Amino acid sequence: MTTPPLAPSPTAAARIHADRAARTLAIDWQDGHATLFDFTSLRWLCPCAYCRGEAGMPGWLDTSPTLSPEQTRLEDVHLVGSYALAPTWGDGHHTGYYPFVLLRDRCSCADCTSRRASSPSAAMHPSQQRGVRP
């Protein structure tokens, strides 16, 4: 008896490409969807404790800083297992692991943006939405 193949996962990356000249990170997902992040938007998504806060305290990104060109220059990016990306930014910041679930959820294509706008969490203040720029 053979096991039927698994359906392509919407949160598993099939291809990841960082284009430093264009300042974009492209992710092609197993289910055929494609996501494109510009480096500035990607930096705003950093989910680490320093950027997002912990123990009820706001993080650095929650203070709405102005990001410098160094803070939005992608130096390197590594896979964390098969579930996340770990970028290193020009200012040396490297503690943010971006789970594929987060990256897929924050896709900026028209379909995904429309889906988020119609969801109940869209009514929340941005500071209540983890990983969302205020």
N, C-alpha and C. Protein backbone atom coordinates (compact mmCIF):
# COMPACT_ATOMS: atom_id res chain seq x y z
N MET A 1 0.84 -1.17 0.00
CA MET A 1 0.00 0.00 0.00
C MET A 1 0.89 1.24 0.00
N THR A 2 0.59 2.15 -0.88
CA THR A 2 1.38 3.37 -0.95
C THR A 2 0.64 4.51 -0.24
N THR A 3 1.43 5.38 0.34
CA THR A 3 0.87 6.55 1.02
C THR A 3 0.70 7.66 -0.01
N PRO A 4 -0.48 8.29 -0.03
CA PRO A 4 -0.66 9.38 -0.99
C PRO A 4 0.29 10.53 -0.66
N PRO A 5 0.74 11.26 -1.67
CA PRO A 5 1.65 12.38 -1.40
C PRO A 5 0.95 13.46 -0.59
N LEU A 6 1.73 14.13 0.23
CA LEU A 6 1.20 15.23 1.03
C LEU A 6 0.91 16.43 0.13
N ALA A 7 -0.11 17.18 0.50
CA ALA A 7 -0.43 18.40 -0.23
C ALA A 7 0.69 19.42 0.01
N PRO A 8 0.99 20.26 -0.97
CA PRO A 8 2.01 21.29 -0.76
C PRO A 8 1.63 22.20 0.40
N SER A 9 2.59 22.50 1.23
CA SER A 9 2.34 23.33 2.41
C SER A 9 2.38 24.81 2.05
N PRO A 10 1.41 25.59 2.56
CA PRO A 10 1.44 27.04 2.32
C PRO A 10 2.51 27.75 3.15
N THR A 11 3.10 27.06 4.13
CA THR A 11 4.12 27.69 4.96
C THR A 11 5.47 26.99 4.85
N ALA A 12 5.69 26.29 3.76
CA ALA A 12 6.99 25.68 3.49
C ALA A 12 7.56 26.35 2.24
N ALA A 13 8.75 26.85 2.36
CA ALA A 13 9.38 27.54 1.24
C ALA A 13 9.94 26.54 0.24
N ALA A 14 9.66 26.80 -1.02
CA ALA A 14 10.23 25.99 -2.09
C ALA A 14 11.49 26.66 -2.64
N ARG A 15 11.52 27.99 -2.60
CA ARG A 15 12.67 28.76 -3.12
C ARG A 15 12.73 30.09 -2.37
N ILE A 16 13.94 30.50 -2.01
CA ILE A 16 14.17 31.78 -1.33
C ILE A 16 15.30 32.49 -2.07
N HIS A 17 15.07 33.75 -2.41
CA HIS A 17 16.10 34.49 -3.14
C HIS A 17 16.20 35.91 -2.58
N ALA A 18 17.38 36.26 -2.10
CA ALA A 18 17.65 37.63 -1.65
C ALA A 18 18.36 38.36 -2.79
N ASP A 19 17.77 39.46 -3.23
CA ASP A 19 18.35 40.29 -4.28
C ASP A 19 18.83 41.58 -3.62
N ARG A 20 20.12 41.64 -3.32
CA ARG A 20 20.64 42.80 -2.59
C ARG A 20 20.55 44.08 -3.41
N ALA A 21 20.73 43.99 -4.72
CA ALA A 21 20.65 45.18 -5.56
C ALA A 21 19.24 45.77 -5.56
N ALA A 22 18.24 44.91 -5.63
CA ALA A 22 16.84 45.36 -5.61
C ALA A 22 16.33 45.55 -4.20
N ARG A 23 17.10 45.09 -3.20
CA ARG A 23 16.72 45.17 -1.78
C ARG A 23 15.40 44.43 -1.52
N THR A 24 15.32 43.19 -2.07
CA THR A 24 14.11 42.39 -1.89
C THR A 24 14.47 40.96 -1.50
N LEU A 25 13.53 40.33 -0.82
CA LEU A 25 13.61 38.91 -0.49
C LEU A 25 12.36 38.26 -1.06
N ALA A 26 12.56 37.33 -1.97
CA ALA A 26 11.44 36.62 -2.61
C ALA A 26 11.35 35.21 -2.05
N ILE A 27 10.12 34.80 -1.73
CA ILE A 27 9.88 33.44 -1.27
C ILE A 27 8.80 32.83 -2.15
N ASP A 28 9.12 31.70 -2.77
CA ASP A 28 8.13 30.91 -3.49
C ASP A 28 7.74 29.77 -2.55
N TRP A 29 6.45 29.66 -2.30
CA TRP A 29 5.94 28.66 -1.35
C TRP A 29 5.59 27.37 -2.09
N GLN A 30 5.59 26.26 -1.36
CA GLN A 30 5.27 24.96 -1.96
C GLN A 30 3.91 24.92 -2.63
N ASP A 31 2.96 25.72 -2.12
CA ASP A 31 1.62 25.70 -2.70
C ASP A 31 1.49 26.58 -3.95
N GLY A 32 2.61 27.16 -4.41
CA GLY A 32 2.59 27.96 -5.63
C GLY A 32 2.48 29.46 -5.41
N HIS A 33 2.21 29.89 -4.19
CA HIS A 33 2.10 31.32 -3.88
C HIS A 33 3.51 31.92 -3.86
N ALA A 34 3.60 33.21 -4.11
CA ALA A 34 4.89 33.92 -4.06
C ALA A 34 4.74 35.16 -3.19
N THR A 35 5.76 35.42 -2.39
CA THR A 35 5.79 36.58 -1.51
C THR A 35 7.07 37.36 -1.80
N LEU A 36 6.94 38.68 -1.82
CA LEU A 36 8.10 39.55 -2.04
C LEU A 36 8.12 40.60 -0.94
N PHE A 37 9.23 40.63 -0.20
CA PHE A 37 9.43 41.64 0.84
C PHE A 37 10.52 42.59 0.42
N ASP A 38 10.33 43.90 0.63
CA ASP A 38 11.46 44.80 0.51
C ASP A 38 12.18 44.73 1.86
N PHE A 39 13.48 45.03 1.86
CA PHE A 39 14.28 44.87 3.07
C PHE A 39 13.77 45.71 4.24
N THR A 40 13.27 46.90 3.97
CA THR A 40 12.78 47.75 5.05
C THR A 40 11.57 47.12 5.72
N SER A 41 10.62 46.63 4.93
CA SER A 41 9.44 45.96 5.50
C SER A 41 9.84 44.72 6.28
N LEU A 42 10.80 43.99 5.75
CA LEU A 42 11.26 42.78 6.43
C LEU A 42 11.90 43.12 7.78
N ARG A 43 12.67 44.19 7.81
CA ARG A 43 13.30 44.59 9.08
C ARG A 43 12.24 44.99 10.11
N TRP A 44 11.17 45.66 9.67
CA TRP A 44 10.08 46.03 10.58
C TRP A 44 9.38 44.80 11.16
N LEU A 45 9.46 43.67 10.49
CA LEU A 45 8.81 42.45 10.97
C LEU A 45 9.61 41.69 12.02
N CYS A 46 10.82 42.12 12.31
CA CYS A 46 11.67 41.35 13.21
C CYS A 46 10.92 40.95 14.48
N PRO A 47 10.84 39.64 14.75
CA PRO A 47 10.07 39.17 15.90
C PRO A 47 10.88 38.95 17.18
N CYS A 48 12.15 39.35 17.21
CA CYS A 48 12.97 39.05 18.39
C CYS A 48 12.53 39.85 19.60
N ALA A 49 12.96 39.43 20.76
CA ALA A 49 12.57 40.09 22.02
C ALA A 49 13.05 41.53 22.07
N TYR A 50 14.23 41.82 21.55
CA TYR A 50 14.72 43.20 21.57
C TYR A 50 13.81 44.10 20.73
N CYS A 51 13.44 43.65 19.56
CA CYS A 51 12.62 44.47 18.65
C CYS A 51 11.15 44.50 19.04
N ARG A 52 10.61 43.39 19.51
CA ARG A 52 9.18 43.27 19.83
C ARG A 52 8.85 43.35 21.29
N GLY A 53 9.86 43.26 22.14
CA GLY A 53 9.61 43.32 23.57
C GLY A 53 9.35 41.96 24.17
N GLU A 54 9.32 41.95 25.47
CA GLU A 54 9.02 40.73 26.21
C GLU A 54 8.59 41.11 27.62
N ALA A 55 7.95 40.19 28.30
CA ALA A 55 7.49 40.38 29.68
C ALA A 55 6.65 41.65 29.82
N GLY A 56 5.83 41.93 28.81
CA GLY A 56 4.94 43.08 28.88
C GLY A 56 5.58 44.41 28.54
N MET A 57 6.86 44.41 28.25
CA MET A 57 7.57 45.64 27.90
C MET A 57 7.64 45.77 26.38
N PRO A 58 7.44 46.98 25.87
CA PRO A 58 7.52 47.15 24.42
C PRO A 58 8.95 46.99 23.92
N GLY A 59 9.06 46.59 22.68
CA GLY A 59 10.37 46.44 22.07
C GLY A 59 10.79 47.71 21.35
N TRP A 60 12.03 47.68 20.88
CA TRP A 60 12.59 48.84 20.21
C TRP A 60 11.77 49.25 18.99
N LEU A 61 11.33 48.31 18.17
CA LEU A 61 10.54 48.66 16.98
C LEU A 61 9.16 49.22 17.35
N ASP A 62 8.68 48.89 18.53
CA ASP A 62 7.39 49.41 18.99
C ASP A 62 7.46 50.89 19.35
N THR A 63 8.67 51.45 19.41
CA THR A 63 8.83 52.88 19.70
C THR A 63 8.84 53.71 18.43
N SER A 64 8.59 53.08 17.29
CA SER A 64 8.55 53.73 15.97
C SER A 64 9.83 54.50 15.65
N PRO A 65 10.97 53.81 15.72
CA PRO A 65 12.22 54.48 15.39
C PRO A 65 12.31 54.75 13.88
N THR A 66 13.25 55.57 13.51
CA THR A 66 13.58 55.74 12.11
C THR A 66 14.70 54.76 11.81
N LEU A 67 14.50 53.89 10.84
CA LEU A 67 15.51 52.91 10.52
C LEU A 67 16.55 53.52 9.57
N SER A 68 17.81 53.29 9.89
CA SER A 68 18.89 53.80 9.05
C SER A 68 19.12 52.84 7.88
N PRO A 69 19.83 53.29 6.86
CA PRO A 69 20.17 52.40 5.75
C PRO A 69 20.92 51.14 6.21
N GLU A 70 21.79 51.27 7.21
CA GLU A 70 22.51 50.10 7.73
C GLU A 70 21.55 49.09 8.36
N GLN A 71 20.52 49.57 9.04
CA GLN A 71 19.58 48.69 9.71
C GLN A 71 18.67 47.96 8.73
N THR A 72 18.61 48.41 7.51
CA THR A 72 17.77 47.75 6.51
C THR A 72 18.59 47.16 5.36
N ARG A 73 19.89 47.04 5.56
CA ARG A 73 20.76 46.40 4.57
C ARG A 73 20.95 44.94 4.98
N LEU A 74 20.49 44.02 4.15
CA LEU A 74 20.61 42.60 4.46
C LEU A 74 22.02 42.14 4.13
N GLU A 75 22.73 41.70 5.15
CA GLU A 75 24.10 41.20 4.98
C GLU A 75 24.09 39.73 4.60
N ASP A 76 23.25 38.95 5.29
CA ASP A 76 23.25 37.51 5.10
C ASP A 76 21.91 36.98 5.58
N VAL A 77 21.56 35.79 5.16
CA VAL A 77 20.35 35.13 5.64
C VAL A 77 20.60 33.62 5.64
N HIS A 78 20.18 32.97 6.73
CA HIS A 78 20.36 31.53 6.89
C HIS A 78 19.03 30.87 7.19
N LEU A 79 18.92 29.62 6.81
CA LEU A 79 17.77 28.82 7.21
C LEU A 79 17.93 28.38 8.66
N VAL A 80 16.83 28.36 9.39
CA VAL A 80 16.79 27.79 10.72
C VAL A 80 15.93 26.55 10.58
N GLY A 81 16.58 25.41 10.55
CA GLY A 81 15.86 24.17 10.29
C GLY A 81 15.11 24.29 8.98
N SER A 82 13.86 23.85 8.99
CA SER A 82 13.00 24.00 7.80
C SER A 82 11.80 24.87 8.12
N TYR A 83 11.96 25.75 9.15
CA TYR A 83 10.80 26.51 9.59
C TYR A 83 11.00 28.03 9.66
N ALA A 84 12.23 28.53 9.48
CA ALA A 84 12.45 29.97 9.67
C ALA A 84 13.68 30.45 8.91
N LEU A 85 13.76 31.78 8.80
CA LEU A 85 14.94 32.45 8.27
C LEU A 85 15.57 33.27 9.37
N ALA A 86 16.89 33.38 9.34
CA ALA A 86 17.63 34.19 10.31
C ALA A 86 18.49 35.18 9.54
N PRO A 87 18.00 36.41 9.37
CA PRO A 87 18.79 37.41 8.65
C PRO A 87 19.83 38.07 9.56
N THR A 88 20.89 38.55 8.96
CA THR A 88 21.86 39.41 9.62
C THR A 88 21.80 40.74 8.90
N TRP A 89 21.57 41.81 9.67
CA TRP A 89 21.41 43.14 9.10
C TRP A 89 22.72 43.91 9.16
N GLY A 90 22.82 44.97 8.39
CA GLY A 90 24.03 45.76 8.28
C GLY A 90 24.51 46.36 9.59
N ASP A 91 23.61 46.55 10.55
CA ASP A 91 24.01 47.09 11.86
C ASP A 91 24.45 45.99 12.82
N GLY A 92 24.50 44.74 12.33
CA GLY A 92 24.92 43.62 13.17
C GLY A 92 23.78 42.87 13.83
N HIS A 93 22.56 43.39 13.76
CA HIS A 93 21.42 42.71 14.39
C HIS A 93 21.20 41.36 13.70
N HIS A 94 21.09 40.29 14.51
CA HIS A 94 20.96 38.95 13.94
C HIS A 94 20.16 38.00 14.83
N THR A 95 19.44 38.51 15.80
CA THR A 95 18.75 37.62 16.74
C THR A 95 17.31 37.32 16.35
N GLY A 96 16.82 37.89 15.26
CA GLY A 96 15.45 37.64 14.85
C GLY A 96 15.32 36.42 13.96
N TYR A 97 14.59 35.40 14.42
CA TYR A 97 14.26 34.26 13.57
C TYR A 97 12.87 34.51 13.04
N TYR A 98 12.73 34.56 11.73
CA TYR A 98 11.46 34.85 11.08
C TYR A 98 10.82 33.52 10.66
N PRO A 99 9.88 33.01 11.45
CA PRO A 99 9.23 31.74 11.08
C PRO A 99 8.49 31.89 9.75
N PHE A 100 8.50 30.82 8.96
CA PHE A 100 7.80 30.86 7.68
C PHE A 100 6.32 31.17 7.86
N VAL A 101 5.74 30.75 8.97
CA VAL A 101 4.33 31.06 9.24
C VAL A 101 4.14 32.58 9.30
N LEU A 102 5.03 33.29 9.98
CA LEU A 102 4.96 34.75 10.05
C LEU A 102 5.14 35.37 8.67
N LEU A 103 6.14 34.91 7.93
CA LEU A 103 6.41 35.48 6.62
C LEU A 103 5.25 35.27 5.65
N ARG A 104 4.64 34.11 5.70
CA ARG A 104 3.49 33.87 4.83
C ARG A 104 2.30 34.73 5.28
N ASP A 105 2.10 34.84 6.59
CA ASP A 105 0.99 35.63 7.12
C ASP A 105 1.13 37.11 6.76
N ARG A 106 2.34 37.61 6.67
CA ARG A 106 2.56 39.04 6.39
C ARG A 106 2.82 39.32 4.90
N CYS A 107 2.52 38.36 4.04
CA CYS A 107 2.67 38.56 2.59
C CYS A 107 1.93 39.83 2.18
N SER A 108 2.56 40.63 1.32
CA SER A 108 1.99 41.92 0.93
C SER A 108 1.27 41.89 -0.41
N CYS A 109 1.06 40.72 -0.98
CA CYS A 109 0.34 40.68 -2.26
C CYS A 109 -1.11 41.13 -2.05
N ALA A 110 -1.78 41.49 -3.11
CA ALA A 110 -3.14 42.04 -3.02
C ALA A 110 -4.10 41.05 -2.36
N ASP A 111 -4.02 39.76 -2.70
CA ASP A 111 -4.92 38.77 -2.12
C ASP A 111 -4.72 38.64 -0.61
N CYS A 112 -3.48 38.55 -0.18
CA CYS A 112 -3.21 38.38 1.25
C CYS A 112 -3.53 39.66 2.03
N THR A 113 -3.25 40.81 1.46
CA THR A 113 -3.58 42.08 2.11
C THR A 113 -5.08 42.21 2.29
N SER A 114 -5.83 41.84 1.28
CA SER A 114 -7.30 41.88 1.34
C SER A 114 -7.82 40.91 2.40
N ARG A 115 -7.24 39.70 2.46
CA ARG A 115 -7.66 38.70 3.45
C ARG A 115 -7.43 39.22 4.86
N ARG A 116 -6.28 39.84 5.10
CA ARG A 116 -6.00 40.38 6.44
C ARG A 116 -6.95 41.52 6.79
N ALA A 117 -7.25 42.36 5.81
CA ALA A 117 -8.14 43.51 6.06
C ALA A 117 -9.54 43.06 6.45
N SER A 118 -9.96 41.89 5.97
CA SER A 118 -11.31 41.41 6.28
C SER A 118 -11.35 40.50 7.50
N SER A 119 -10.19 40.26 8.14
CA SER A 119 -10.17 39.37 9.30
C SER A 119 -10.45 40.16 10.58
N PRO A 120 -10.96 39.51 11.62
CA PRO A 120 -11.26 40.19 12.88
C PRO A 120 -10.04 40.85 13.51
N SER A 121 -8.85 40.27 13.34
CA SER A 121 -7.66 40.86 13.96
C SER A 121 -7.28 42.19 13.31
N ALA A 122 -7.81 42.49 12.12
CA ALA A 122 -7.50 43.75 11.46
C ALA A 122 -8.03 44.94 12.26
N ALA A 123 -9.02 44.70 13.12
CA ALA A 123 -9.58 45.78 13.93
C ALA A 123 -8.69 46.12 15.12
N MET A 124 -7.71 45.25 15.42
CA MET A 124 -6.81 45.51 16.54
C MET A 124 -5.87 46.66 16.23
N HIS A 125 -5.47 47.36 17.27
CA HIS A 125 -4.43 48.38 17.15
C HIS A 125 -3.14 47.66 16.73
N PRO A 126 -2.34 48.25 15.84
CA PRO A 126 -1.13 47.58 15.38
C PRO A 126 -0.21 47.12 16.50
N SER A 127 -0.15 47.83 17.61
CA SER A 127 0.74 47.41 18.70
C SER A 127 0.29 46.10 19.33
N GLN A 128 -0.97 45.71 19.07
CA GLN A 128 -1.47 44.45 19.62
C GLN A 128 -1.22 43.28 18.66
N GLN A 129 -0.81 43.58 17.44
CA GLN A 129 -0.57 42.55 16.45
C GLN A 129 0.92 42.27 16.40
N ARG A 130 1.34 41.12 16.89
CA ARG A 130 2.74 40.77 16.93
C ARG A 130 3.35 40.80 15.53
N GLY A 131 4.47 41.48 15.43
CA GLY A 131 5.19 41.51 14.17
C GLY A 131 4.64 42.51 13.16
N VAL A 132 3.83 43.47 13.62
CA VAL A 132 3.26 44.46 12.73
C VAL A 132 3.81 45.82 13.09
N ARG A 133 4.27 46.55 12.11
CA ARG A 133 4.80 47.89 12.34
C ARG A 133 3.70 48.80 12.86
N PRO A 134 3.98 49.58 13.94
CA PRO A 134 2.98 50.50 14.46
C PRO A 134 2.67 51.63 13.51
